[in-house]
Amino acid sequence: MKPSMDAATQPLPPDIRLMNGVTALLLVGLVLAVLALAVHKLVRLPAFAIRHIQVEGEVDRNSVASLRANALPRLSGNFLTLKLSQGRAAFEAVPWVRRATVQRVWPNQMLVRLEEHQPAAYWETRPEGADGQSDAAAERVLVNSFGEVFQANLGDVEDEDLPVLAGPDGRAAQMLAMWRQLQALTGVLDDAVERLDLSSRGSWRVTLERGAVIELGRGADAEVLARYAQFARSLPEITTHYQSQLATADLRHAEGFAVRLRGVSTAPVVPVRGRAKKT
């Protein structure tokens, strides 16, 4: 005779097994919810509040008061919950701040390193279709040493002799690089480039500190620079001969440079090759 199976070893009915499984899942979910609630309350305890913010790096143009007024209202959370990306964005929104890095310092401090904009030029933006000779009102902002356009209080600019760049959107870095090279070439004239314009059609114009306006024309940057370099080498001979300063020049002629001197009705076109012509 076969022995009878113990009731404890008999498999449970499917509905009982399902109910036990659901109960276990509910218990696990309840435990996890309790733990999550506990962690949520724990990380928001006053003990984890940020007690001190240490600022390092370039802070020449921003005082502690200005940083506090501009950055702190943008921060939310404490030492554990604050998103570092949010902290970086808050400090980069402060005027003159180009870049910020933010890190936590245990147990309740934040370390901020700032890099400030170094102004290299003014930037003029004009209405669509307007060029440097237009009477349309231009908004003036700033260009930093990396060729990036940024906004700041122009009254905070200590060097008021910054050059003015005016051109299409997105060309500030190219124009700053061009200005630097033109400025170096202008040294032989004992003058400086005060303003550089680039039209929407790609034509360059230089205004010197002494007031002379020079049309450089279009072309690749290297081509325009070579044309200007040859002009700068030739001009001193003309101004010395006529004992007069440059008023305007047009470098867009294939055969030479059209030059007008102050107080002189006509002046020669200095040839690139071949003989000179009269204006």
Protein backbone atom coordinates (compact mmCIF):
# COMPACT_ATOMS: atom_id res chain seq x y z
CA MET A 1 0.00 0.00 0.00
CA LYS A 2 1.45 3.44 -1.08
CA PRO A 3 1.95 5.94 1.73
CA SER A 4 -0.31 8.96 1.64
CA MET A 5 1.25 12.42 0.93
CA ASP A 6 1.57 14.83 3.87
CA ALA A 7 -0.72 17.83 3.49
CA ALA A 8 2.23 20.19 4.08
CA THR A 9 4.05 18.80 1.03
CA GLN A 10 1.16 19.16 -1.31
CA PRO A 11 1.50 22.02 -3.87
CA LEU A 12 -0.62 25.08 -3.17
CA PRO A 13 -3.47 25.87 -5.46
CA PRO A 14 -2.64 28.46 -8.18
CA ASP A 15 -4.90 31.11 -6.69
CA ILE A 16 -3.16 30.83 -3.31
CA ARG A 17 0.30 31.10 -4.93
CA LEU A 18 -0.83 34.20 -6.87
CA MET A 19 -2.17 35.81 -3.72
CA ASN A 20 1.07 35.12 -1.83
CA GLY A 21 3.11 36.62 -4.68
CA VAL A 22 1.00 39.76 -4.79
CA THR A 23 1.29 40.11 -1.03
CA ALA A 24 5.10 39.84 -1.20
CA LEU A 25 5.27 42.46 -3.95
CA LEU A 26 3.06 44.79 -1.93
CA LEU A 27 5.28 44.36 1.10
CA VAL A 28 8.42 45.09 -0.95
CA GLY A 29 6.76 48.14 -2.50
CA LEU A 30 5.72 49.39 0.93
CA VAL A 31 9.23 48.98 2.31
CA LEU A 32 10.72 50.81 -0.67
CA ALA A 33 8.20 53.63 -0.35
CA VAL A 34 9.00 54.02 3.34
CA LEU A 35 12.72 54.07 2.57
CA ALA A 36 12.23 56.62 -0.22
CA LEU A 37 10.20 58.85 2.06
CA ALA A 38 12.84 58.57 4.76
CA VAL A 39 15.64 59.45 2.32
CA HIS A 40 13.56 62.32 0.93
CA LYS A 41 13.16 63.79 4.42
CA LEU A 42 16.73 63.01 5.39
CA VAL A 43 18.40 64.83 2.49
CA ARG A 44 16.30 67.93 3.23
CA LEU A 45 17.34 68.21 6.82
CA PRO A 46 18.87 71.59 7.78
CA ALA A 47 22.13 69.80 8.44
CA PHE A 48 22.67 69.48 4.67
CA ALA A 49 22.06 73.15 3.86
CA ILE A 50 24.90 74.86 2.00
CA ARG A 51 26.65 76.98 4.62
CA HIS A 52 29.45 78.52 2.59
CA ILE A 53 30.21 79.28 -1.06
CA GLN A 54 33.86 79.82 -1.89
CA VAL A 55 34.58 81.72 -5.11
CA GLU A 56 37.96 81.49 -6.83
CA GLY A 57 39.42 82.57 -10.16
CA GLU A 58 38.72 85.84 -11.94
CA VAL A 59 36.53 88.12 -9.86
CA ASP A 60 37.82 91.54 -10.91
CA ARG A 61 34.46 92.73 -12.24
CA ASN A 62 32.14 91.07 -9.73
CA SER A 63 32.00 91.73 -6.01
CA VAL A 64 30.67 89.28 -3.46
CA ALA A 65 27.51 91.37 -3.28
CA SER A 66 26.90 91.23 -7.05
CA LEU A 67 27.49 87.48 -7.15
CA ARG A 68 25.09 86.97 -4.26
CA ALA A 69 22.44 89.17 -5.84
CA ASN A 70 22.65 87.62 -9.30
CA ALA A 71 23.45 83.94 -8.67
CA LEU A 72 21.94 82.89 -5.34
CA PRO A 73 18.28 83.52 -6.33
CA ARG A 74 18.79 81.03 -9.17
CA LEU A 75 19.96 78.24 -6.86
CA SER A 76 17.59 75.73 -5.31
CA GLY A 77 18.23 72.70 -3.15
CA ASN A 78 20.93 71.89 -0.62
CA PHE A 79 24.33 70.21 -0.59
CA LEU A 80 22.87 66.87 -1.68
CA THR A 81 20.03 67.94 -3.97
CA LEU A 82 21.50 70.89 -5.86
CA LYS A 83 22.24 70.03 -9.49
CA LEU A 84 25.75 71.15 -10.41
CA SER A 85 24.57 72.05 -13.90
CA GLN A 86 22.01 74.39 -12.34
CA GLY A 87 24.70 75.96 -10.17
CA ARG A 88 26.98 76.47 -13.16
CA ALA A 89 24.18 78.11 -15.15
CA ALA A 90 23.35 80.39 -12.21
CA PHE A 91 26.88 81.77 -12.00
CA GLU A 92 27.31 81.98 -15.78
CA ALA A 93 24.23 84.20 -15.87
CA VAL A 94 26.11 86.81 -13.83
CA PRO A 95 27.35 89.74 -15.95
CA TRP A 96 30.98 89.43 -17.09
CA VAL A 97 31.17 85.72 -16.20
CA ARG A 98 32.20 83.66 -19.23
CA ARG A 99 32.53 80.25 -17.62
CA ALA A 100 31.91 78.75 -14.17
CA THR A 101 32.75 75.38 -12.64
CA VAL A 102 30.92 74.23 -9.50
CA GLN A 103 31.75 71.39 -7.14
CA ARG A 104 30.66 70.20 -3.72
CA VAL A 105 33.05 70.27 -0.76
CA TRP A 106 31.98 68.04 2.11
CA PRO A 107 30.10 68.54 4.32
CA ASN A 108 28.25 71.75 3.42
CA GLN A 109 30.32 73.94 1.11
CA MET A 110 30.34 74.79 -2.57
CA LEU A 111 33.46 75.73 -4.52
CA VAL A 112 32.96 77.97 -7.56
CA ARG A 113 35.71 78.86 -10.03
CA LEU A 114 34.99 81.74 -12.40
CA GLU A 115 36.47 82.85 -15.69
CA GLU A 116 35.50 86.37 -16.72
CA HIS A 117 35.10 87.91 -20.15
CA GLN A 118 38.08 90.00 -21.23
CA PRO A 119 36.69 92.68 -23.55
CA ALA A 120 38.60 92.99 -26.83
CA ALA A 121 36.22 95.09 -28.95
CA TYR A 122 32.78 96.61 -29.21
CA TRP A 123 30.29 94.85 -31.46
CA GLU A 124 27.58 96.67 -33.35
CA THR A 125 24.49 94.89 -34.55
CA ARG A 126 22.33 96.62 -37.13
CA PRO A 127 18.89 95.96 -38.63
CA GLU A 128 18.78 93.39 -41.42
CA GLY A 129 20.22 94.81 -44.62
CA ALA A 130 21.91 97.83 -43.02
CA ASP A 131 25.67 98.32 -43.41
CA GLY A 132 28.30 100.46 -41.72
CA GLN A 133 27.29 103.58 -43.67
CA SER A 134 23.61 103.26 -42.81
CA ASP A 135 21.96 105.74 -40.47
CA ALA A 136 20.00 102.90 -38.89
CA ALA A 137 20.48 102.73 -35.15
CA ALA A 138 23.00 100.16 -34.01
CA GLU A 139 23.00 98.31 -30.71
CA ARG A 140 26.47 98.09 -29.17
CA VAL A 141 27.59 95.11 -27.11
CA LEU A 142 31.00 93.56 -26.49
CA VAL A 143 33.33 90.96 -27.98
CA ASN A 144 35.69 89.06 -25.69
CA SER A 145 39.22 87.90 -26.43
CA PHE A 146 37.86 84.62 -27.85
CA GLY A 147 35.71 86.45 -30.39
CA GLU A 148 32.48 85.72 -28.48
CA VAL A 149 29.76 88.37 -28.32
CA PHE A 150 28.42 89.07 -24.82
CA GLN A 151 26.32 91.67 -23.05
CA ALA A 152 27.47 93.69 -20.06
CA ASN A 153 27.28 97.21 -18.73
CA LEU A 154 29.41 99.24 -21.15
CA GLY A 155 30.12 101.67 -18.33
CA ASP A 156 32.19 98.93 -16.67
CA VAL A 157 34.64 98.86 -19.58
CA GLU A 158 37.84 100.43 -18.34
CA ASP A 159 39.52 100.61 -21.74
CA GLU A 160 37.38 103.02 -23.73
CA ASP A 161 39.73 102.80 -26.72
CA LEU A 162 38.50 99.37 -27.77
CA PRO A 163 37.97 99.04 -31.53
CA VAL A 164 34.50 98.78 -33.01
CA LEU A 165 33.57 95.74 -35.10
CA ALA A 166 30.39 95.78 -37.17
CA GLY A 167 29.34 92.88 -39.35
CA PRO A 168 26.89 90.04 -39.91
CA ASP A 169 25.83 87.83 -37.04
CA GLY A 170 28.22 84.99 -36.31
CA ARG A 171 31.28 86.72 -37.80
CA ALA A 172 32.68 88.33 -34.63
CA ALA A 173 35.53 85.83 -34.17
CA GLN A 174 36.63 86.20 -37.80
CA MET A 175 36.44 89.98 -37.58
CA LEU A 176 38.45 90.11 -34.36
CA ALA A 177 41.16 87.97 -35.94
CA MET A 178 41.15 90.22 -39.01
CA TRP A 179 41.34 93.35 -36.87
CA ARG A 180 44.38 92.01 -35.02
CA GLN A 181 46.23 91.39 -38.26
CA LEU A 182 45.23 94.73 -39.78
CA GLN A 183 46.26 96.46 -36.57
CA ALA A 184 49.73 94.93 -36.79
CA LEU A 185 50.09 96.07 -40.43
CA THR A 186 48.92 99.58 -39.54
CA GLY A 187 51.91 100.05 -37.23
CA VAL A 188 54.05 101.21 -40.18
CA LEU A 189 51.61 104.14 -40.62
CA ASP A 190 51.97 105.20 -36.96
CA ASP A 191 48.21 104.84 -36.72
CA ALA A 192 45.66 102.30 -35.46
CA VAL A 193 42.49 100.63 -36.69
CA GLU A 194 39.63 102.26 -34.80
CA ARG A 195 36.78 100.55 -36.64
CA LEU A 196 36.35 97.55 -38.91
CA ASP A 197 33.19 96.99 -40.97
CA LEU A 198 32.18 93.91 -42.92
CA SER A 199 29.17 94.25 -45.20
CA SER A 200 26.64 91.49 -45.80
CA ARG A 201 28.28 91.04 -49.22
CA GLY A 202 31.69 90.43 -47.69
CA SER A 203 33.32 93.81 -48.36
CA TRP A 204 35.75 95.14 -45.73
CA ARG A 205 36.19 98.76 -44.63
CA VAL A 206 38.79 100.14 -42.19
CA THR A 207 38.55 103.42 -40.27
CA LEU A 208 41.81 104.61 -38.72
CA GLU A 209 42.14 106.62 -35.51
CA ARG A 210 43.14 109.73 -37.46
CA GLY A 211 39.90 109.51 -39.40
CA ALA A 212 41.01 107.97 -42.70
CA VAL A 213 38.56 105.53 -44.27
CA ILE A 214 39.96 102.70 -46.39
CA GLU A 215 37.85 100.45 -48.60
CA LEU A 216 39.54 97.05 -48.68
CA GLY A 217 37.02 95.28 -50.87
CA ARG A 218 36.13 91.63 -50.98
CA GLY A 219 38.14 88.43 -51.12
CA ALA A 220 39.66 85.77 -48.91
CA ASP A 221 41.12 87.09 -45.67
CA ALA A 222 44.69 86.41 -46.82
CA GLU A 223 44.05 88.24 -50.09
CA VAL A 224 42.60 91.28 -48.32
CA LEU A 225 45.49 91.37 -45.86
CA ALA A 226 48.07 91.17 -48.65
CA ARG A 227 46.37 94.05 -50.44
CA TYR A 228 46.37 96.16 -47.28
CA ALA A 229 50.00 95.31 -46.46
CA GLN A 230 51.13 96.56 -49.87
CA PHE A 231 49.07 99.71 -49.44
CA ALA A 232 50.52 100.36 -45.96
CA ARG A 233 54.07 100.03 -47.33
CA SER A 234 53.34 102.45 -50.20
CA LEU A 235 51.39 105.15 -48.35
CA PRO A 236 54.24 106.84 -46.39
CA GLU A 237 55.98 107.76 -49.65
CA ILE A 238 52.82 109.49 -50.93
CA THR A 239 52.02 111.38 -47.73
CA THR A 240 55.63 112.50 -47.41
CA HIS A 241 55.70 113.72 -51.00
CA TYR A 242 52.50 115.75 -50.66
CA GLN A 243 53.07 116.68 -47.00
CA SER A 244 49.47 115.72 -46.24
CA GLN A 245 47.59 113.06 -44.34
CA LEU A 246 45.38 110.36 -45.79
CA ALA A 247 41.65 111.10 -46.06
CA THR A 248 40.33 108.08 -47.95
CA ALA A 249 41.68 105.18 -49.95
CA ASP A 250 40.08 102.61 -52.21
CA LEU A 251 41.93 99.32 -52.58
CA ARG A 252 39.31 97.73 -54.81
CA HIS A 253 41.05 98.75 -58.05
CA ALA A 254 42.85 95.92 -59.82
CA GLU A 255 45.54 98.27 -61.14
CA GLY A 256 46.32 100.17 -57.94
CA PHE A 257 45.09 102.14 -54.93
CA ALA A 258 42.95 105.26 -55.30
CA VAL A 259 44.11 107.72 -52.66
CA ARG A 260 42.69 111.07 -51.54
CA LEU A 261 44.78 113.27 -49.26
CA ARG A 262 43.57 116.09 -47.06
CA GLY A 263 43.96 119.42 -48.77
CA VAL A 264 45.08 117.82 -52.06
CA SER A 265 42.64 117.77 -54.96
CA THR A 266 44.29 114.92 -56.83
CA ALA A 267 46.69 112.20 -55.84
CA PRO A 268 48.21 109.29 -57.72
CA VAL A 269 46.84 105.79 -57.81
CA VAL A 270 49.70 103.70 -56.52
CA PRO A 271 49.99 100.79 -58.96
CA VAL A 272 50.13 97.18 -57.96
CA ARG A 273 51.88 96.64 -61.27
CA GLY A 274 52.28 98.86 -64.26
CA ARG A 275 52.12 102.65 -64.28
CA ALA A 276 50.15 104.93 -62.02
CA LYS A 277 46.90 106.66 -62.84
CA LYS A 278 45.38 109.92 -61.62
CA THR A 279 42.16 110.17 -59.58
